C-alpha atoms as a PDB file:
ATOM      1  CA  UNK A   1    -250.890 -27.252 -12.429  1.00  0.00           C
ATOM      2  CA  UNK A   2    -250.095 -27.916 -16.088  1.00  0.00           C
ATOM      3  CA  UNK A   3    -249.436 -25.265 -18.735  1.00  0.00           C
ATOM      4  CA  UNK A   4    -247.929 -24.749 -22.146  1.00  0.00           C
ATOM      5  CA  UNK A   5    -245.608 -21.770 -22.618  1.00  0.00           C
ATOM      6  CA  UNK A   6    -244.830 -20.316 -26.046  1.00  0.00           C
ATOM      7  CA  UNK A   7    -241.732 -18.116 -26.120  1.00  0.00           C
ATOM      8  CA  UNK A   8    -240.647 -15.980 -29.062  1.00  0.00           C
ATOM      9  CA  UNK A   9    -236.886 -15.565 -28.821  1.00  0.00           C
ATOM     10  CA  UNK A  10    -236.502 -12.576 -31.106  1.00  0.00           C
ATOM     11  CA  UNK A  11    -232.705 -12.447 -30.995  1.00  0.00           C
ATOM     12  CA  UNK A  12    -232.184 -16.103 -31.915  1.00  0.00           C
ATOM     13  CA  UNK A  13    -235.160 -15.997 -34.320  1.00  0.00           C
ATOM     14  CA  UNK A  14    -236.712 -19.101 -32.755  1.00  0.00           C
ATOM     15  CA  UNK A  15    -240.054 -19.884 -31.177  1.00  0.00           C
ATOM     16  CA  UNK A  16    -239.934 -22.476 -28.390  1.00  0.00           C
ATOM     17  CA  UNK A  17    -242.852 -24.370 -26.887  1.00  0.00           C
ATOM     18  CA  UNK A  18    -242.523 -25.760 -23.365  1.00  0.00           C
ATOM     19  CA  UNK A  19    -244.722 -28.034 -21.269  1.00  0.00           C
ATOM     20  CA  UNK A  20    -244.603 -26.812 -17.652  1.00  0.00           C
ATOM     21  CA  UNK A  21    -245.918 -28.316 -14.447  1.00  0.00           C
ATOM     22  CA  UNK A  22    -245.773 -27.361 -10.803  1.00  0.00           C
ATOM     23  CA  UNK A  23    -247.429 -27.534  -7.424  1.00  0.00           C
ATOM     24  CA  UNK A  24    -248.310 -24.328  -5.634  1.00  0.00           C
ATOM     25  CA  UNK A  25    -245.357 -23.352  -3.454  1.00  0.00           C
ATOM     26  CA  UNK A  26    -242.946 -25.550  -5.408  1.00  0.00           C
ATOM     27  CA  UNK A  27    -240.552 -24.821  -8.273  1.00  0.00           C
ATOM     28  CA  UNK A  28    -241.836 -24.968 -11.836  1.00  0.00           C
ATOM     29  CA  UNK A  29    -240.541 -27.813 -13.981  1.00  0.00           C
ATOM     30  CA  UNK A  30    -240.277 -27.262 -17.703  1.00  0.00           C
ATOM     31  CA  UNK A  31    -239.626 -29.465 -20.733  1.00  0.00           C
ATOM     32  CA  UNK A  32    -239.164 -28.122 -24.256  1.00  0.00           C
ATOM     33  CA  UNK A  33    -241.554 -29.938 -26.601  1.00  0.00           C
ATOM     34  CA  UNK A  34    -241.086 -28.026 -29.868  1.00  0.00           C
ATOM     35  CA  UNK A  35    -238.986 -25.385 -31.575  1.00  0.00           C
ATOM     36  CA  UNK A  36    -239.792 -23.439 -34.728  1.00  0.00           C
ATOM     37  CA  UNK A  37    -237.722 -21.012 -36.753  1.00  0.00           C
ATOM     38  CA  UNK A  38    -238.895 -17.474 -37.441  1.00  0.00           C
ATOM     39  CA  UNK A  39    -240.745 -18.481 -40.620  1.00  0.00           C
ATOM     40  CA  UNK A  40    -243.538 -19.826 -38.360  1.00  0.00           C
ATOM     41  CA  UNK A  41    -243.954 -16.625 -36.325  1.00  0.00           C
ATOM     42  CA  UNK A  42    -247.106 -15.560 -38.183  1.00  0.00           C
ATOM     43  CA  UNK A  43    -248.712 -18.976 -37.550  1.00  0.00           C
ATOM     44  CA  UNK A  44    -248.067 -18.959 -33.798  1.00  0.00           C
ATOM     45  CA  UNK A  45    -251.434 -17.384 -32.785  1.00  0.00           C
ATOM     46  CA  UNK A  46    -253.256 -20.162 -34.654  1.00  0.00           C
ATOM     47  CA  UNK A  47    -251.011 -22.813 -33.093  1.00  0.00           C
ATOM     48  CA  UNK A  48    -251.791 -21.384 -29.633  1.00  0.00           C
ATOM     49  CA  UNK A  49    -255.539 -21.525 -30.318  1.00  0.00           C
ATOM     50  CA  UNK A  50    -255.249 -25.134 -31.477  1.00  0.00           C
ATOM     51  CA  UNK A  51    -253.257 -26.158 -28.375  1.00  0.00           C
ATOM     52  CA  UNK A  52    -255.910 -24.554 -26.131  1.00  0.00           C
ATOM     53  CA  UNK A  53    -258.756 -26.248 -27.993  1.00  0.00           C
ATOM     54  CA  UNK A  54    -257.168 -29.710 -28.260  1.00  0.00           C
ATOM     55  CA  UNK A  55    -255.728 -29.948 -24.728  1.00  0.00           C
ATOM     56  CA  UNK A  56    -257.721 -27.541 -22.578  1.00  0.00           C
ATOM     57  CA  UNK A  57    -254.428 -26.384 -21.051  1.00  0.00           C
ATOM     58  CA  UNK A  58    -253.534 -22.818 -20.200  1.00  0.00           C
ATOM     59  CA  UNK A  59    -251.186 -21.377 -22.813  1.00  0.00           C
ATOM     60  CA  UNK A  60    -248.933 -18.513 -21.719  1.00  0.00           C
ATOM     61  CA  UNK A  61    -246.881 -16.530 -24.166  1.00  0.00           C
ATOM     62  CA  UNK A  62    -244.786 -13.426 -24.693  1.00  0.00           C
ATOM     63  CA  UNK A  63    -246.292 -13.127 -28.189  1.00  0.00           C
ATOM     64  CA  UNK A  64    -249.189 -10.711 -28.435  1.00  0.00           C
ATOM     65  CA  UNK A  65    -251.898 -11.663 -30.898  1.00  0.00           C
END
């Protein structure tokens, strides 16, 4: 299973994007693929939509749009 995870780290004022993959019953593996500073926070919902459209991957996030 492949996913993209978008995490808003409010205390460090960073937004991290991770590519994650795993098999059911196995540990999740994760690789950071991007990091943005807090000036991009408002653009994150649009970035998430674009990732979904371009890749077809599931995008999980702790940011509520």
